[in-house]
Amino acid sequence: MLLIIFVACLAYLLGSIPTSVWLGRALKGVDLREHGSGNAGATNAFRVLGKPIGSAVLILDMFKGFLAVNLTIVQDEIVPGSEGWMILKIGLGLLAVVGHIFPVFAGFRGGKGVATITGVGLAIHPFAALAAMGIYLLVFLVTRISALSSLVAVLTYPVWIILVFRTEYLTIKIFSLLVVVLVLITHRSNIARLIRGKEKPILKS
């Protein structure tokens, strides 16, 4: 039990690594949270710091979620493949997402968690995550609006999990619905701007 508690703390700390803030300060001398949308996520990193740094932030934030889920390898108390094992994997992934949104290393002011959630999804059910990522790319190519693309993609995620791939894990089904709720909550301001037609494209066509 102590090992699982340690791993849980490690997952949160891993998610708390503020890649966009640190890279922005190190490479551009700016705090990303003071520019653009004020959000410390990959979308604002692309907009303010440019494509190379934005790409690095995106990949690293995804990796945080992916690695957190796979911290289960350091424990041997729960049988791999069991429902309890999947609960632990998803729990560790969600802790990384919480860390990304409320990072202890950056004054609890982080991003909205989409990239980290994507990494968690890739570790939990790669095919469903890749399908949702495909939807994101399709919408983004048409609109160039990252928030809209993320919202459409995440709304399809439970469909991939429950109806298309028909996962047997109840925990993954619940997780897919929690992801929708979490993204809707963290994107409240984006949804309001989308309704008003004020949401800006991440990159110009």
N, C-alpha and C. Protein backbone atom coordinates (compact mmCIF):
# COMPACT_ATOMS: atom_id res chain seq x y z
N MET A 1 0.83 -1.21 0.00
CA MET A 1 0.00 0.00 0.00
C MET A 1 0.86 1.26 0.00
N LEU A 2 1.94 1.26 0.78
CA LEU A 2 2.83 2.41 0.82
C LEU A 2 3.44 2.67 -0.56
N LEU A 3 3.76 1.58 -1.27
CA LEU A 3 4.33 1.73 -2.61
C LEU A 3 3.32 2.37 -3.56
N ILE A 4 2.06 1.97 -3.46
CA ILE A 4 1.03 2.53 -4.32
C ILE A 4 0.83 4.03 -4.01
N ILE A 5 0.88 4.38 -2.72
CA ILE A 5 0.76 5.79 -2.34
C ILE A 5 1.94 6.59 -2.91
N PHE A 6 3.12 6.00 -2.84
CA PHE A 6 4.31 6.65 -3.40
C PHE A 6 4.16 6.85 -4.91
N VAL A 7 3.70 5.83 -5.60
CA VAL A 7 3.52 5.90 -7.05
C VAL A 7 2.46 6.95 -7.40
N ALA A 8 1.40 7.03 -6.59
CA ALA A 8 0.36 8.03 -6.83
C ALA A 8 0.92 9.44 -6.72
N CYS A 9 1.72 9.68 -5.69
CA CYS A 9 2.36 10.98 -5.53
C CYS A 9 3.30 11.28 -6.70
N LEU A 10 4.01 10.26 -7.14
CA LEU A 10 4.93 10.41 -8.27
C LEU A 10 4.18 10.78 -9.54
N ALA A 11 3.00 10.17 -9.75
CA ALA A 11 2.19 10.48 -10.93
C ALA A 11 1.76 11.95 -10.92
N TYR A 12 1.34 12.44 -9.75
CA TYR A 12 0.95 13.85 -9.65
C TYR A 12 2.14 14.77 -9.92
N LEU A 13 3.28 14.45 -9.33
CA LEU A 13 4.47 15.27 -9.53
C LEU A 13 4.93 15.25 -10.98
N LEU A 14 4.79 14.10 -11.62
CA LEU A 14 5.14 13.99 -13.03
C LEU A 14 4.24 14.91 -13.86
N GLY A 15 2.95 14.87 -13.58
CA GLY A 15 2.03 15.75 -14.29
C GLY A 15 2.27 17.22 -13.99
N SER A 16 2.84 17.50 -12.83
CA SER A 16 3.07 18.89 -12.42
C SER A 16 4.25 19.54 -13.11
N ILE A 17 5.04 18.78 -13.86
CA ILE A 17 6.17 19.38 -14.57
C ILE A 17 5.61 20.36 -15.61
N PRO A 18 5.84 21.66 -15.43
CA PRO A 18 5.23 22.67 -16.33
C PRO A 18 6.10 22.89 -17.57
N THR A 19 6.00 21.98 -18.49
CA THR A 19 6.89 22.01 -19.66
C THR A 19 6.81 23.32 -20.42
N SER A 20 5.61 23.84 -20.64
CA SER A 20 5.48 25.07 -21.42
C SER A 20 6.08 26.27 -20.68
N VAL A 21 5.89 26.30 -19.37
CA VAL A 21 6.42 27.40 -18.57
C VAL A 21 7.94 27.36 -18.56
N TRP A 22 8.49 26.19 -18.30
CA TRP A 22 9.94 26.07 -18.24
C TRP A 22 10.60 26.29 -19.59
N LEU A 23 10.03 25.73 -20.65
CA LEU A 23 10.61 25.93 -21.98
C LEU A 23 10.48 27.38 -22.43
N GLY A 24 9.34 27.99 -22.10
CA GLY A 24 9.16 29.40 -22.46
C GLY A 24 10.18 30.29 -21.78
N ARG A 25 10.43 30.03 -20.52
CA ARG A 25 11.41 30.83 -19.78
C ARG A 25 12.83 30.57 -20.27
N ALA A 26 13.15 29.29 -20.50
CA ALA A 26 14.51 28.92 -20.88
C ALA A 26 14.86 29.36 -22.30
N LEU A 27 13.91 29.22 -23.23
CA LEU A 27 14.21 29.47 -24.64
C LEU A 27 13.76 30.83 -25.16
N LYS A 28 12.75 31.41 -24.51
CA LYS A 28 12.23 32.70 -24.98
C LYS A 28 12.28 33.80 -23.91
N GLY A 29 12.57 33.41 -22.68
CA GLY A 29 12.63 34.39 -21.61
C GLY A 29 11.27 34.96 -21.23
N VAL A 30 10.21 34.19 -21.46
CA VAL A 30 8.87 34.67 -21.13
C VAL A 30 8.12 33.62 -20.33
N ASP A 31 7.18 34.09 -19.51
CA ASP A 31 6.26 33.20 -18.81
C ASP A 31 5.02 33.09 -19.68
N LEU A 32 4.79 31.93 -20.23
CA LEU A 32 3.70 31.73 -21.18
C LEU A 32 2.36 32.17 -20.60
N ARG A 33 2.21 32.06 -19.29
CA ARG A 33 0.94 32.39 -18.65
C ARG A 33 0.64 33.89 -18.64
N GLU A 34 1.63 34.69 -19.04
CA GLU A 34 1.44 36.14 -19.12
C GLU A 34 1.20 36.60 -20.55
N HIS A 35 1.03 35.67 -21.46
CA HIS A 35 0.87 36.02 -22.86
C HIS A 35 -0.23 35.18 -23.50
N GLY A 36 -0.74 35.66 -24.64
CA GLY A 36 -1.77 34.92 -25.35
C GLY A 36 -3.02 34.75 -24.50
N SER A 37 -3.46 33.49 -24.41
CA SER A 37 -4.67 33.19 -23.62
C SER A 37 -4.37 33.12 -22.13
N GLY A 38 -3.07 33.12 -21.78
CA GLY A 38 -2.70 33.01 -20.37
C GLY A 38 -2.69 31.59 -19.87
N ASN A 39 -2.90 30.64 -20.78
CA ASN A 39 -2.94 29.23 -20.40
C ASN A 39 -1.59 28.58 -20.65
N ALA A 40 -1.18 27.70 -19.73
CA ALA A 40 0.12 27.04 -19.84
C ALA A 40 0.00 25.69 -20.53
N GLY A 41 -0.66 25.68 -21.68
CA GLY A 41 -0.83 24.44 -22.43
C GLY A 41 -0.20 24.51 -23.80
N ALA A 42 -0.32 23.41 -24.53
CA ALA A 42 0.31 23.32 -25.84
C ALA A 42 -0.26 24.31 -26.84
N THR A 43 -1.58 24.53 -26.80
CA THR A 43 -2.20 25.45 -27.76
C THR A 43 -1.62 26.85 -27.62
N ASN A 44 -1.54 27.36 -26.40
CA ASN A 44 -0.97 28.69 -26.20
C ASN A 44 0.51 28.70 -26.49
N ALA A 45 1.18 27.57 -26.27
CA ALA A 45 2.60 27.48 -26.59
C ALA A 45 2.82 27.62 -28.10
N PHE A 46 1.99 26.97 -28.89
CA PHE A 46 2.07 27.12 -30.34
C PHE A 46 1.86 28.58 -30.74
N ARG A 47 0.85 29.20 -30.14
CA ARG A 47 0.48 30.56 -30.52
C ARG A 47 1.55 31.57 -30.12
N VAL A 48 2.12 31.42 -28.92
CA VAL A 48 3.04 32.43 -28.39
C VAL A 48 4.51 32.08 -28.65
N LEU A 49 4.86 30.81 -28.48
CA LEU A 49 6.27 30.41 -28.53
C LEU A 49 6.69 29.87 -29.89
N GLY A 50 5.71 29.55 -30.75
CA GLY A 50 6.04 29.06 -32.08
C GLY A 50 5.91 27.56 -32.21
N LYS A 51 5.97 27.11 -33.46
CA LYS A 51 5.74 25.69 -33.75
C LYS A 51 6.76 24.75 -33.12
N PRO A 52 8.07 25.02 -33.20
CA PRO A 52 9.04 24.06 -32.61
C PRO A 52 8.83 23.84 -31.12
N ILE A 53 8.70 24.94 -30.37
CA ILE A 53 8.52 24.81 -28.92
C ILE A 53 7.13 24.26 -28.62
N GLY A 54 6.13 24.71 -29.37
CA GLY A 54 4.78 24.20 -29.18
C GLY A 54 4.71 22.70 -29.40
N SER A 55 5.43 22.22 -30.41
CA SER A 55 5.46 20.78 -30.69
C SER A 55 6.13 20.02 -29.55
N ALA A 56 7.22 20.59 -29.03
CA ALA A 56 7.92 19.95 -27.90
C ALA A 56 7.02 19.89 -26.67
N VAL A 57 6.30 20.97 -26.40
CA VAL A 57 5.38 21.00 -25.26
C VAL A 57 4.29 19.94 -25.44
N LEU A 58 3.73 19.87 -26.63
CA LEU A 58 2.67 18.89 -26.90
C LEU A 58 3.15 17.47 -26.65
N ILE A 59 4.31 17.14 -27.20
CA ILE A 59 4.84 15.78 -27.05
C ILE A 59 5.17 15.47 -25.59
N LEU A 60 5.82 16.40 -24.92
CA LEU A 60 6.20 16.18 -23.52
C LEU A 60 4.99 16.07 -22.61
N ASP A 61 3.97 16.90 -22.86
CA ASP A 61 2.76 16.83 -22.03
C ASP A 61 2.02 15.52 -22.25
N MET A 62 2.00 15.03 -23.49
CA MET A 62 1.41 13.72 -23.75
C MET A 62 2.20 12.63 -23.05
N PHE A 63 3.52 12.75 -23.10
CA PHE A 63 4.38 11.73 -22.49
C PHE A 63 4.18 11.66 -20.98
N LYS A 64 3.92 12.81 -20.35
CA LYS A 64 3.67 12.82 -18.91
C LYS A 64 2.51 11.89 -18.56
N GLY A 65 1.41 12.02 -19.30
CA GLY A 65 0.25 11.18 -19.04
C GLY A 65 0.52 9.73 -19.34
N PHE A 66 1.20 9.47 -20.46
CA PHE A 66 1.50 8.09 -20.86
C PHE A 66 2.40 7.41 -19.82
N LEU A 67 3.42 8.12 -19.37
CA LEU A 67 4.35 7.56 -18.39
C LEU A 67 3.69 7.34 -17.05
N ALA A 68 2.83 8.26 -16.64
CA ALA A 68 2.15 8.13 -15.34
C ALA A 68 1.34 6.85 -15.27
N VAL A 69 0.60 6.56 -16.34
CA VAL A 69 -0.21 5.34 -16.38
C VAL A 69 0.66 4.10 -16.22
N ASN A 70 1.83 4.13 -16.85
CA ASN A 70 2.71 2.96 -16.84
C ASN A 70 3.59 2.85 -15.60
N LEU A 71 3.38 3.73 -14.63
CA LEU A 71 4.06 3.59 -13.35
C LEU A 71 3.59 2.35 -12.60
N THR A 72 2.52 1.73 -13.09
CA THR A 72 2.02 0.51 -12.46
C THR A 72 3.07 -0.61 -12.47
N ILE A 73 4.06 -0.51 -13.35
CA ILE A 73 5.06 -1.57 -13.45
C ILE A 73 5.94 -1.67 -12.21
N VAL A 74 5.95 -0.61 -11.39
CA VAL A 74 6.84 -0.64 -10.23
C VAL A 74 6.18 -1.32 -9.03
N GLN A 75 4.91 -1.70 -9.16
CA GLN A 75 4.23 -2.37 -8.05
C GLN A 75 3.84 -3.79 -8.47
N ASP A 76 3.75 -4.67 -7.48
CA ASP A 76 3.38 -6.06 -7.77
C ASP A 76 2.24 -6.55 -6.87
N GLU A 77 1.51 -5.60 -6.26
CA GLU A 77 0.43 -5.96 -5.35
C GLU A 77 -0.86 -6.27 -6.10
N ILE A 78 -1.07 -5.66 -7.27
CA ILE A 78 -2.30 -5.83 -8.04
C ILE A 78 -2.00 -6.62 -9.30
N VAL A 79 -2.82 -7.60 -9.59
CA VAL A 79 -2.60 -8.49 -10.73
C VAL A 79 -2.84 -7.75 -12.05
N PRO A 80 -1.86 -7.76 -12.96
CA PRO A 80 -2.05 -7.13 -14.27
C PRO A 80 -3.23 -7.74 -15.02
N GLY A 81 -4.01 -6.89 -15.64
CA GLY A 81 -5.16 -7.35 -16.40
C GLY A 81 -6.45 -7.37 -15.61
N SER A 82 -6.37 -7.22 -14.30
CA SER A 82 -7.57 -7.23 -13.46
C SER A 82 -8.24 -5.85 -13.49
N GLU A 83 -9.48 -5.79 -13.02
CA GLU A 83 -10.18 -4.50 -12.96
C GLU A 83 -9.46 -3.56 -12.00
N GLY A 84 -8.94 -4.12 -10.89
CA GLY A 84 -8.19 -3.30 -9.95
C GLY A 84 -6.96 -2.70 -10.58
N TRP A 85 -6.30 -3.47 -11.41
CA TRP A 85 -5.10 -3.00 -12.13
C TRP A 85 -5.47 -1.84 -13.05
N MET A 86 -6.61 -1.95 -13.74
CA MET A 86 -7.04 -0.88 -14.63
C MET A 86 -7.44 0.36 -13.84
N ILE A 87 -8.07 0.15 -12.68
CA ILE A 87 -8.42 1.28 -11.83
C ILE A 87 -7.16 2.04 -11.42
N LEU A 88 -6.11 1.31 -11.06
CA LEU A 88 -4.85 1.93 -10.67
C LEU A 88 -4.25 2.71 -11.84
N LYS A 89 -4.24 2.11 -13.03
CA LYS A 89 -3.68 2.77 -14.21
C LYS A 89 -4.42 4.09 -14.50
N ILE A 90 -5.74 4.03 -14.49
CA ILE A 90 -6.53 5.22 -14.77
C ILE A 90 -6.36 6.25 -13.65
N GLY A 91 -6.32 5.78 -12.41
CA GLY A 91 -6.12 6.69 -11.28
C GLY A 91 -4.80 7.44 -11.40
N LEU A 92 -3.73 6.73 -11.76
CA LEU A 92 -2.43 7.37 -11.92
C LEU A 92 -2.46 8.38 -13.07
N GLY A 93 -3.14 8.01 -14.14
CA GLY A 93 -3.26 8.93 -15.27
C GLY A 93 -4.00 10.19 -14.90
N LEU A 94 -5.10 10.04 -14.15
CA LEU A 94 -5.88 11.20 -13.74
C LEU A 94 -5.10 12.09 -12.78
N LEU A 95 -4.28 11.48 -11.94
CA LEU A 95 -3.44 12.27 -11.04
C LEU A 95 -2.45 13.12 -11.83
N ALA A 96 -1.93 12.56 -12.92
CA ALA A 96 -1.03 13.32 -13.79
C ALA A 96 -1.76 14.50 -14.43
N VAL A 97 -3.01 14.27 -14.82
CA VAL A 97 -3.82 15.34 -15.41
C VAL A 97 -4.08 16.44 -14.38
N VAL A 98 -4.41 16.04 -13.17
CA VAL A 98 -4.61 17.01 -12.08
C VAL A 98 -3.33 17.80 -11.86
N GLY A 99 -2.19 17.10 -11.89
CA GLY A 99 -0.91 17.78 -11.73
C GLY A 99 -0.66 18.79 -12.84
N HIS A 100 -1.06 18.44 -14.06
CA HIS A 100 -0.87 19.35 -15.19
C HIS A 100 -1.74 20.60 -15.03
N ILE A 101 -2.98 20.42 -14.58
CA ILE A 101 -3.89 21.54 -14.42
C ILE A 101 -3.52 22.39 -13.20
N PHE A 102 -3.09 21.71 -12.12
CA PHE A 102 -2.72 22.40 -10.88
C PHE A 102 -1.30 21.98 -10.48
N PRO A 103 -0.28 22.47 -11.23
CA PRO A 103 1.10 22.03 -11.00
C PRO A 103 1.74 22.64 -9.75
N VAL A 104 2.23 21.81 -8.89
CA VAL A 104 2.86 22.29 -7.67
C VAL A 104 4.14 23.06 -7.99
N PHE A 105 4.77 22.77 -9.14
CA PHE A 105 6.02 23.44 -9.51
C PHE A 105 5.80 24.77 -10.21
N ALA A 106 4.54 25.17 -10.41
CA ALA A 106 4.27 26.43 -11.13
C ALA A 106 3.10 27.17 -10.50
N GLY A 107 3.07 27.18 -9.19
CA GLY A 107 2.05 27.96 -8.49
C GLY A 107 0.63 27.49 -8.73
N PHE A 108 0.47 26.21 -9.08
CA PHE A 108 -0.86 25.61 -9.32
C PHE A 108 -1.61 26.29 -10.47
N ARG A 109 -0.86 26.91 -11.39
CA ARG A 109 -1.45 27.52 -12.58
C ARG A 109 -0.92 26.79 -13.82
N GLY A 110 -1.70 25.83 -14.29
CA GLY A 110 -1.23 25.02 -15.40
C GLY A 110 -2.11 25.12 -16.63
N GLY A 111 -2.09 24.05 -17.43
CA GLY A 111 -2.87 24.02 -18.66
C GLY A 111 -4.23 23.39 -18.45
N LYS A 112 -4.89 23.07 -19.56
CA LYS A 112 -6.24 22.52 -19.49
C LYS A 112 -6.26 21.00 -19.57
N GLY A 113 -5.12 20.39 -19.80
CA GLY A 113 -5.01 18.95 -19.64
C GLY A 113 -5.26 18.08 -20.86
N VAL A 114 -5.57 18.68 -22.02
CA VAL A 114 -5.93 17.85 -23.17
C VAL A 114 -4.77 16.98 -23.63
N ALA A 115 -3.58 17.56 -23.74
CA ALA A 115 -2.43 16.78 -24.20
C ALA A 115 -2.11 15.66 -23.23
N THR A 116 -2.15 15.96 -21.93
CA THR A 116 -1.85 14.94 -20.93
C THR A 116 -2.93 13.86 -20.92
N ILE A 117 -4.20 14.26 -21.08
CA ILE A 117 -5.29 13.28 -21.17
C ILE A 117 -5.08 12.39 -22.39
N THR A 118 -4.61 12.98 -23.49
CA THR A 118 -4.35 12.19 -24.69
C THR A 118 -3.29 11.13 -24.43
N GLY A 119 -2.24 11.51 -23.71
CA GLY A 119 -1.21 10.54 -23.35
C GLY A 119 -1.75 9.43 -22.48
N VAL A 120 -2.63 9.79 -21.53
CA VAL A 120 -3.28 8.79 -20.69
C VAL A 120 -4.12 7.86 -21.55
N GLY A 121 -4.88 8.44 -22.47
CA GLY A 121 -5.73 7.64 -23.35
C GLY A 121 -4.93 6.68 -24.21
N LEU A 122 -3.77 7.13 -24.69
CA LEU A 122 -2.92 6.26 -25.51
C LEU A 122 -2.41 5.07 -24.70
N ALA A 123 -2.16 5.30 -23.42
CA ALA A 123 -1.69 4.21 -22.56
C ALA A 123 -2.81 3.27 -22.15
N ILE A 124 -4.04 3.79 -22.03
CA ILE A 124 -5.18 2.99 -21.58
C ILE A 124 -5.78 2.19 -22.72
N HIS A 125 -6.08 2.86 -23.83
CA HIS A 125 -6.70 2.21 -24.99
C HIS A 125 -6.21 2.94 -26.24
N PRO A 126 -5.06 2.55 -26.78
CA PRO A 126 -4.44 3.30 -27.88
C PRO A 126 -5.32 3.45 -29.12
N PHE A 127 -6.10 2.44 -29.46
CA PHE A 127 -6.90 2.54 -30.68
C PHE A 127 -7.99 3.60 -30.57
N ALA A 128 -8.66 3.65 -29.42
CA ALA A 128 -9.69 4.66 -29.21
C ALA A 128 -9.07 6.05 -29.17
N ALA A 129 -7.91 6.17 -28.52
CA ALA A 129 -7.24 7.47 -28.46
C ALA A 129 -6.81 7.94 -29.84
N LEU A 130 -6.28 7.03 -30.64
CA LEU A 130 -5.85 7.39 -31.99
C LEU A 130 -7.04 7.79 -32.86
N ALA A 131 -8.16 7.11 -32.67
CA ALA A 131 -9.36 7.46 -33.42
C ALA A 131 -9.82 8.88 -33.06
N ALA A 132 -9.83 9.20 -31.77
CA ALA A 132 -10.21 10.55 -31.33
C ALA A 132 -9.22 11.59 -31.84
N MET A 133 -7.93 11.23 -31.86
CA MET A 133 -6.92 12.14 -32.39
C MET A 133 -7.15 12.39 -33.87
N GLY A 134 -7.61 11.37 -34.58
CA GLY A 134 -7.93 11.53 -36.00
C GLY A 134 -9.06 12.53 -36.20
N ILE A 135 -10.06 12.46 -35.32
CA ILE A 135 -11.17 13.41 -35.38
C ILE A 135 -10.66 14.82 -35.11
N TYR A 136 -9.78 14.94 -34.13
CA TYR A 136 -9.19 16.25 -33.83
C TYR A 136 -8.52 16.83 -35.07
N LEU A 137 -7.70 16.03 -35.73
CA LEU A 137 -6.96 16.51 -36.89
C LEU A 137 -7.91 16.93 -38.02
N LEU A 138 -8.95 16.16 -38.24
CA LEU A 138 -9.91 16.48 -39.29
C LEU A 138 -10.59 17.83 -39.03
N VAL A 139 -11.05 18.01 -37.79
CA VAL A 139 -11.73 19.27 -37.45
C VAL A 139 -10.74 20.44 -37.49
N PHE A 140 -9.53 20.19 -37.02
CA PHE A 140 -8.52 21.25 -36.98
C PHE A 140 -8.11 21.69 -38.39
N LEU A 141 -7.98 20.74 -39.30
CA LEU A 141 -7.62 21.09 -40.67
C LEU A 141 -8.68 21.98 -41.33
N VAL A 142 -9.91 21.79 -40.92
CA VAL A 142 -11.01 22.60 -41.49
C VAL A 142 -11.13 23.95 -40.79
N THR A 143 -11.01 23.96 -39.45
CA THR A 143 -11.31 25.18 -38.69
C THR A 143 -10.08 25.93 -38.19
N ARG A 144 -8.98 25.22 -37.98
CA ARG A 144 -7.77 25.78 -37.37
C ARG A 144 -8.02 26.24 -35.93
N ILE A 145 -9.10 25.77 -35.33
CA ILE A 145 -9.43 26.15 -33.96
C ILE A 145 -9.21 24.94 -33.05
N SER A 146 -8.19 25.01 -32.22
CA SER A 146 -7.81 23.87 -31.39
C SER A 146 -8.87 23.50 -30.38
N ALA A 147 -9.48 24.51 -29.75
CA ALA A 147 -10.48 24.22 -28.72
C ALA A 147 -11.67 23.47 -29.30
N LEU A 148 -12.15 23.93 -30.45
CA LEU A 148 -13.27 23.25 -31.10
C LEU A 148 -12.89 21.83 -31.49
N SER A 149 -11.69 21.67 -32.00
CA SER A 149 -11.21 20.34 -32.40
C SER A 149 -11.12 19.41 -31.20
N SER A 150 -10.64 19.93 -30.08
CA SER A 150 -10.53 19.12 -28.86
C SER A 150 -11.91 18.72 -28.35
N LEU A 151 -12.85 19.65 -28.37
CA LEU A 151 -14.18 19.37 -27.86
C LEU A 151 -14.89 18.32 -28.71
N VAL A 152 -14.80 18.45 -30.03
CA VAL A 152 -15.43 17.46 -30.91
C VAL A 152 -14.78 16.09 -30.72
N ALA A 153 -13.45 16.08 -30.65
CA ALA A 153 -12.73 14.81 -30.50
C ALA A 153 -13.10 14.11 -29.20
N VAL A 154 -13.14 14.88 -28.10
CA VAL A 154 -13.41 14.27 -26.80
C VAL A 154 -14.84 13.77 -26.71
N LEU A 155 -15.77 14.44 -27.40
CA LEU A 155 -17.15 13.98 -27.40
C LEU A 155 -17.32 12.65 -28.13
N THR A 156 -16.40 12.36 -29.06
CA THR A 156 -16.47 11.07 -29.76
C THR A 156 -15.76 9.96 -28.98
N TYR A 157 -14.96 10.33 -27.99
CA TYR A 157 -14.15 9.33 -27.29
C TYR A 157 -14.97 8.21 -26.64
N PRO A 158 -16.05 8.53 -25.90
CA PRO A 158 -16.86 7.43 -25.34
C PRO A 158 -17.49 6.55 -26.42
N VAL A 159 -17.77 7.14 -27.56
CA VAL A 159 -18.34 6.35 -28.66
C VAL A 159 -17.34 5.30 -29.13
N TRP A 160 -16.09 5.72 -29.28
CA TRP A 160 -15.05 4.76 -29.68
C TRP A 160 -14.88 3.67 -28.62
N ILE A 161 -14.83 4.10 -27.36
CA ILE A 161 -14.59 3.16 -26.26
C ILE A 161 -15.75 2.17 -26.09
N ILE A 162 -16.97 2.70 -26.04
CA ILE A 162 -18.13 1.89 -25.65
C ILE A 162 -18.78 1.18 -26.84
N LEU A 163 -18.96 1.90 -27.94
CA LEU A 163 -19.72 1.35 -29.05
C LEU A 163 -18.88 0.72 -30.15
N VAL A 164 -17.73 1.31 -30.44
CA VAL A 164 -16.92 0.80 -31.55
C VAL A 164 -16.00 -0.33 -31.11
N PHE A 165 -15.15 -0.06 -30.11
CA PHE A 165 -14.19 -1.07 -29.67
C PHE A 165 -14.75 -1.97 -28.56
N ARG A 166 -15.86 -1.58 -27.97
CA ARG A 166 -16.58 -2.41 -27.00
C ARG A 166 -15.66 -2.98 -25.91
N THR A 167 -14.97 -2.09 -25.23
CA THR A 167 -14.09 -2.54 -24.16
C THR A 167 -14.86 -3.28 -23.07
N GLU A 168 -14.24 -4.28 -22.49
CA GLU A 168 -14.88 -5.05 -21.44
C GLU A 168 -14.69 -4.42 -20.06
N TYR A 169 -13.77 -3.49 -19.94
CA TYR A 169 -13.49 -2.87 -18.65
C TYR A 169 -14.52 -1.78 -18.34
N LEU A 170 -15.28 -1.96 -17.29
CA LEU A 170 -16.22 -0.95 -16.86
C LEU A 170 -15.48 0.34 -16.50
N THR A 171 -14.29 0.18 -15.92
CA THR A 171 -13.50 1.34 -15.51
C THR A 171 -13.15 2.23 -16.70
N ILE A 172 -12.82 1.64 -17.83
CA ILE A 172 -12.46 2.43 -19.02
C ILE A 172 -13.69 3.16 -19.55
N LYS A 173 -14.85 2.50 -19.50
CA LYS A 173 -16.09 3.15 -19.95
C LYS A 173 -16.37 4.39 -19.09
N ILE A 174 -16.23 4.23 -17.78
CA ILE A 174 -16.45 5.36 -16.88
C ILE A 174 -15.42 6.45 -17.13
N PHE A 175 -14.18 6.03 -17.34
CA PHE A 175 -13.10 6.97 -17.63
C PHE A 175 -13.41 7.81 -18.87
N SER A 176 -13.93 7.17 -19.91
CA SER A 176 -14.22 7.89 -21.15
C SER A 176 -15.26 8.99 -20.93
N LEU A 177 -16.20 8.73 -20.04
CA LEU A 177 -17.22 9.73 -19.73
C LEU A 177 -16.65 10.83 -18.83
N LEU A 178 -15.77 10.45 -17.91
CA LEU A 178 -15.12 11.45 -17.05
C LEU A 178 -14.27 12.41 -17.87
N VAL A 179 -13.63 11.88 -18.90
CA VAL A 179 -12.80 12.72 -19.76
C VAL A 179 -13.65 13.81 -20.41
N VAL A 180 -14.83 13.43 -20.88
CA VAL A 180 -15.73 14.41 -21.49
C VAL A 180 -16.08 15.51 -20.49
N VAL A 181 -16.46 15.12 -19.28
CA VAL A 181 -16.83 16.09 -18.25
C VAL A 181 -15.66 17.00 -17.92
N LEU A 182 -14.47 16.42 -17.76
CA LEU A 182 -13.29 17.20 -17.39
C LEU A 182 -12.94 18.22 -18.46
N VAL A 183 -12.95 17.79 -19.72
CA VAL A 183 -12.60 18.71 -20.81
C VAL A 183 -13.65 19.81 -20.96
N LEU A 184 -14.91 19.47 -20.78
CA LEU A 184 -15.95 20.50 -20.85
C LEU A 184 -15.77 21.54 -19.74
N ILE A 185 -15.39 21.07 -18.55
CA ILE A 185 -15.19 21.99 -17.43
C ILE A 185 -13.99 22.90 -17.68
N THR A 186 -12.87 22.33 -18.12
CA THR A 186 -11.66 23.13 -18.32
C THR A 186 -11.75 24.03 -19.54
N HIS A 187 -12.71 23.76 -20.41
CA HIS A 187 -12.86 24.58 -21.62
C HIS A 187 -14.09 25.48 -21.57
N ARG A 188 -14.55 25.81 -20.37
CA ARG A 188 -15.73 26.66 -20.24
C ARG A 188 -15.55 27.99 -20.96
N SER A 189 -14.41 28.62 -20.77
CA SER A 189 -14.19 29.93 -21.41
C SER A 189 -14.10 29.78 -22.92
N ASN A 190 -13.50 28.68 -23.39
CA ASN A 190 -13.42 28.46 -24.84
C ASN A 190 -14.80 28.26 -25.44
N ILE A 191 -15.65 27.52 -24.72
CA ILE A 191 -17.01 27.27 -25.20
C ILE A 191 -17.77 28.59 -25.31
N ALA A 192 -17.58 29.46 -24.31
CA ALA A 192 -18.25 30.76 -24.34
C ALA A 192 -17.77 31.58 -25.53
N ARG A 193 -16.46 31.55 -25.81
CA ARG A 193 -15.93 32.30 -26.97
C ARG A 193 -16.39 31.70 -28.28
N LEU A 194 -16.49 30.37 -28.33
CA LEU A 194 -16.98 29.72 -29.54
C LEU A 194 -18.42 30.13 -29.84
N ILE A 195 -19.23 30.19 -28.80
CA ILE A 195 -20.63 30.60 -28.97
C ILE A 195 -20.72 32.03 -29.50
N ARG A 196 -19.79 32.89 -29.01
CA ARG A 196 -19.79 34.29 -29.44
C ARG A 196 -19.03 34.49 -30.75
N GLY A 197 -18.39 33.41 -31.24
CA GLY A 197 -17.60 33.54 -32.46
C GLY A 197 -16.30 34.27 -32.25
N LYS A 198 -15.75 34.24 -31.01
CA LYS A 198 -14.55 34.99 -30.65
C LYS A 198 -13.32 34.11 -30.47
N GLU A 199 -13.46 32.79 -30.58
CA GLU A 199 -12.32 31.90 -30.38
C GLU A 199 -11.36 32.03 -31.56
N LYS A 200 -10.09 32.30 -31.26
CA LYS A 200 -9.11 32.54 -32.31
C LYS A 200 -8.48 31.24 -32.80
N PRO A 201 -8.17 31.17 -34.09
CA PRO A 201 -7.46 30.00 -34.63
C PRO A 201 -6.06 29.92 -34.00
N ILE A 202 -5.58 28.69 -33.82
CA ILE A 202 -4.24 28.52 -33.26
C ILE A 202 -3.18 28.90 -34.27
N LEU A 203 -3.42 28.57 -35.54
CA LEU A 203 -2.50 28.88 -36.63
C LEU A 203 -3.30 29.41 -37.80
N LYS A 204 -2.79 30.35 -38.48
CA LYS A 204 -3.48 30.89 -39.64
C LYS A 204 -3.37 29.93 -40.82
N SER A 205 -4.41 29.86 -41.64
CA SER A 205 -4.42 29.00 -42.82
C SER A 205 -3.42 29.50 -43.83
